[in-house]
């Protein structure tokens, strides 16, 4: 089953690109996964953020492995 994750290269303190990727997470620290890119984009939009932000990436996750 393929799911989608949202990631960014912007760290929580606003530094860009120094420490790899940061993934959108559940409250328990698990990666937040979506059934489609559209569902991920809607979640970002509903949270008041721009789903087309240049630092956001929607990446495919298959069986727990992130596909580059």
C-alpha atoms as a PDB file:
ATOM      1  CA  UNK A   1       0.000   0.000   0.000  1.00  0.00           C
ATOM      2  CA  UNK A   2       1.350   3.388  -0.982  1.00  0.00           C
ATOM      3  CA  UNK A   3       0.873   6.358   1.316  1.00  0.00           C
ATOM      4  CA  UNK A   4       2.207   9.901   1.267  1.00  0.00           C
ATOM      5  CA  UNK A   5       4.204  11.940   3.775  1.00  0.00           C
ATOM      6  CA  UNK A   6       4.939  15.661   3.940  1.00  0.00           C
ATOM      7  CA  UNK A   7       8.533  16.733   4.486  1.00  0.00           C
ATOM      8  CA  UNK A   8      10.555  19.933   4.529  1.00  0.00           C
ATOM      9  CA  UNK A   9      14.193  20.934   4.701  1.00  0.00           C
ATOM     10  CA  UNK A  10      13.336  23.780   7.089  1.00  0.00           C
ATOM     11  CA  UNK A  11      14.077  22.876  10.707  1.00  0.00           C
ATOM     12  CA  UNK A  12      11.603  23.787  13.477  1.00  0.00           C
ATOM     13  CA  UNK A  13      13.810  26.766  14.377  1.00  0.00           C
ATOM     14  CA  UNK A  14      13.736  28.072  10.788  1.00  0.00           C
ATOM     15  CA  UNK A  15      17.175  26.975   9.542  1.00  0.00           C
ATOM     16  CA  UNK A  16      17.093  25.758   5.949  1.00  0.00           C
ATOM     17  CA  UNK A  17      18.822  22.623   4.704  1.00  0.00           C
ATOM     18  CA  UNK A  18      21.378  21.862   7.399  1.00  0.00           C
ATOM     19  CA  UNK A  19      19.999  18.742   9.062  1.00  0.00           C
ATOM     20  CA  UNK A  20      18.230  16.749   6.358  1.00  0.00           C
ATOM     21  CA  UNK A  21      14.478  16.266   6.214  1.00  0.00           C
ATOM     22  CA  UNK A  22      11.815  17.019   8.805  1.00  0.00           C
ATOM     23  CA  UNK A  23       8.538  15.106   8.470  1.00  0.00           C
ATOM     24  CA  UNK A  24       5.046  16.081   9.554  1.00  0.00           C
ATOM     25  CA  UNK A  25       4.328  13.962  12.644  1.00  0.00           C
ATOM     26  CA  UNK A  26       1.449  12.726  14.749  1.00  0.00           C
ATOM     27  CA  UNK A  27       1.283  13.827  18.406  1.00  0.00           C
ATOM     28  CA  UNK A  28       3.079  10.600  19.379  1.00  0.00           C
ATOM     29  CA  UNK A  29       6.040  11.327  17.077  1.00  0.00           C
ATOM     30  CA  UNK A  30       5.050   8.866  14.327  1.00  0.00           C
ATOM     31  CA  UNK A  31       5.179  10.077  10.736  1.00  0.00           C
ATOM     32  CA  UNK A  32       1.786  11.422   9.643  1.00  0.00           C
ATOM     33  CA  UNK A  33       0.736   9.517   6.509  1.00  0.00           C
ATOM     34  CA  UNK A  34      -1.939  10.329   3.940  1.00  0.00           C
ATOM     35  CA  UNK A  35      -3.774   8.184   1.392  1.00  0.00           C
ATOM     36  CA  UNK A  36      -3.052  10.657  -1.428  1.00  0.00           C
ATOM     37  CA  UNK A  37      -1.143  13.822  -2.243  1.00  0.00           C
ATOM     38  CA  UNK A  38      -4.475  15.613  -2.422  1.00  0.00           C
ATOM     39  CA  UNK A  39      -5.314  14.578   1.161  1.00  0.00           C
ATOM     40  CA  UNK A  40      -1.890  15.791   2.336  1.00  0.00           C
ATOM     41  CA  UNK A  41      -2.306  19.102   0.529  1.00  0.00           C
ATOM     42  CA  UNK A  42      -5.784  19.557   2.035  1.00  0.00           C
ATOM     43  CA  UNK A  43      -4.403  18.894   5.535  1.00  0.00           C
ATOM     44  CA  UNK A  44      -1.710  21.562   5.013  1.00  0.00           C
ATOM     45  CA  UNK A  45      -4.296  24.012   3.670  1.00  0.00           C
ATOM     46  CA  UNK A  46      -6.717  23.313   6.551  1.00  0.00           C
ATOM     47  CA  UNK A  47      -3.866  24.063   8.969  1.00  0.00           C
ATOM     48  CA  UNK A  48      -3.573  27.539   7.423  1.00  0.00           C
ATOM     49  CA  UNK A  49      -0.344  26.898   5.514  1.00  0.00           C
ATOM     50  CA  UNK A  50       0.431  27.082   1.805  1.00  0.00           C
ATOM     51  CA  UNK A  51       0.410  23.572   0.280  1.00  0.00           C
ATOM     52  CA  UNK A  52       2.546  24.945  -2.575  1.00  0.00           C
ATOM     53  CA  UNK A  53       5.272  26.298  -0.272  1.00  0.00           C
ATOM     54  CA  UNK A  54       8.627  25.900  -2.025  1.00  0.00           C
ATOM     55  CA  UNK A  55      10.065  24.054   0.983  1.00  0.00           C
ATOM     56  CA  UNK A  56       7.321  21.419   1.246  1.00  0.00           C
ATOM     57  CA  UNK A  57       7.647  18.094  -0.511  1.00  0.00           C
ATOM     58  CA  UNK A  58       5.119  15.290  -0.811  1.00  0.00           C
ATOM     59  CA  UNK A  59       6.913  11.965  -0.818  1.00  0.00           C
ATOM     60  CA  UNK A  60       5.707   8.436  -1.447  1.00  0.00           C
ATOM     61  CA  UNK A  61       5.971   5.911   1.392  1.00  0.00           C
ATOM     62  CA  UNK A  62       5.576   2.204   0.660  1.00  0.00           C
ATOM     63  CA  UNK A  63       5.498  -0.363   3.488  1.00  0.00           C
ATOM     64  CA  UNK A  64       7.342   1.988   5.853  1.00  0.00           C
ATOM     65  CA  UNK A  65      10.100   2.874   3.367  1.00  0.00           C
ATOM     66  CA  UNK A  66      10.422   6.358   1.934  1.00  0.00           C
ATOM     67  CA  UNK A  67      10.933   6.463  -1.801  1.00  0.00           C
ATOM     68  CA  UNK A  68      13.324   9.201  -2.860  1.00  0.00           C
END
